[in-house]
Protein backbone atom coordinates (compact mmCIF):
# COMPACT_ATOMS: atom_id res chain seq x y z
CA MET A 1 -11.77 31.51 30.91
CA ARG A 2 -12.53 27.83 30.53
CA LEU A 3 -10.25 24.89 31.15
CA VAL A 4 -10.51 21.73 29.04
CA LYS A 5 -9.07 18.36 30.01
CA VAL A 6 -9.15 15.29 27.77
CA LYS A 7 -8.56 11.74 28.94
CA GLU A 8 -5.63 10.13 27.11
CA ASN A 9 -4.02 6.85 28.16
CA GLY A 10 -5.94 6.94 31.44
CA LYS A 11 -4.71 10.41 32.43
CA TRP A 12 -6.37 13.83 32.22
CA LYS A 13 -4.42 16.22 30.00
CA ARG A 14 -5.07 19.94 29.56
CA ILE A 15 -5.74 21.02 25.95
CA LYS A 16 -7.23 23.97 24.08
CA PHE A 17 -10.96 23.69 23.36
CA LYS A 18 -10.38 23.93 19.60
CA GLU A 19 -8.20 20.79 19.83
CA LEU A 20 -11.12 18.56 20.93
CA TYR A 21 -11.71 15.67 18.56
CA ASN A 22 -14.42 13.15 17.73
CA GLY A 23 -14.39 10.35 20.32
CA ALA A 24 -12.65 12.38 23.04
CA GLU A 25 -13.72 11.94 26.64
CA PHE A 26 -13.35 15.37 28.24
CA LYS A 27 -14.16 17.65 31.14
CA LEU A 28 -14.84 21.39 31.09
CA TYR A 29 -14.25 23.87 33.88
CA LYS A 30 -15.43 27.44 34.06
CA PHE A 31 -13.22 29.97 35.81
CA LEU A 32 -10.53 27.22 35.84
CA PHE A 33 -11.98 25.25 38.77
CA ILE A 34 -15.80 24.95 38.60
CA PRO A 35 -16.82 21.76 36.73
CA VAL A 36 -19.39 22.21 33.95
CA LYS A 37 -22.36 19.82 34.25
CA ASN A 38 -24.91 18.72 31.67
CA SER A 39 -28.65 18.51 32.34
CA LEU A 40 -28.14 15.09 33.99
CA GLY A 41 -25.43 16.41 36.31
CA ASP A 42 -22.61 14.60 34.52
CA THR A 43 -19.19 16.27 34.39
CA ILE A 44 -17.59 13.98 31.77
CA PHE A 45 -18.54 14.56 28.13
CA HIS A 46 -18.01 12.51 24.96
CA ALA A 47 -17.32 14.43 21.74
CA THR A 48 -19.25 13.26 18.68
CA SER A 49 -17.48 15.73 16.37
CA ASP A 50 -14.21 17.56 16.11
CA ALA A 51 -14.30 21.10 17.51
CA PHE A 52 -15.34 23.59 14.84
CA TYR A 53 -15.76 27.33 14.61
CA ASP A 54 -19.37 28.56 14.51
CA ARG A 55 -19.42 31.91 12.72
CA ASP A 56 -22.86 32.86 14.08
CA MET A 57 -21.86 32.17 17.69
CA LYS A 58 -18.29 33.46 17.07
CA ARG A 59 -16.68 30.63 19.03
CA TYR A 60 -15.53 27.05 18.82
CA ILE A 61 -18.10 24.39 19.66
CA VAL A 62 -18.21 20.59 19.69
CA ASP A 63 -21.11 18.15 19.44
CA THR A 64 -21.56 15.77 22.38
CA GLU A 65 -23.74 12.85 23.34
CA GLU A 66 -26.04 13.34 26.31
C-alpha cells in the first residue's frame, strides 16, 4: 500500500493517488512509512499532469518533473 501526501496551505494532507493534480507538490511513501525517492534522492515531487489511469499498466499514474 502506498501513502500520498500533498502540500496544501503549507501543511501536508493525506489524499488518494488518483486525486493528484497538475501543480501539486507531493510525497509518496511505500508500506505507509518508507519515503519514495527519485534518481536524485529527492522525496518531494511536483506533478505536471493530473493523475490518470493507464490501461496498459492497470494503475493510476502522474507525470512529474525531475
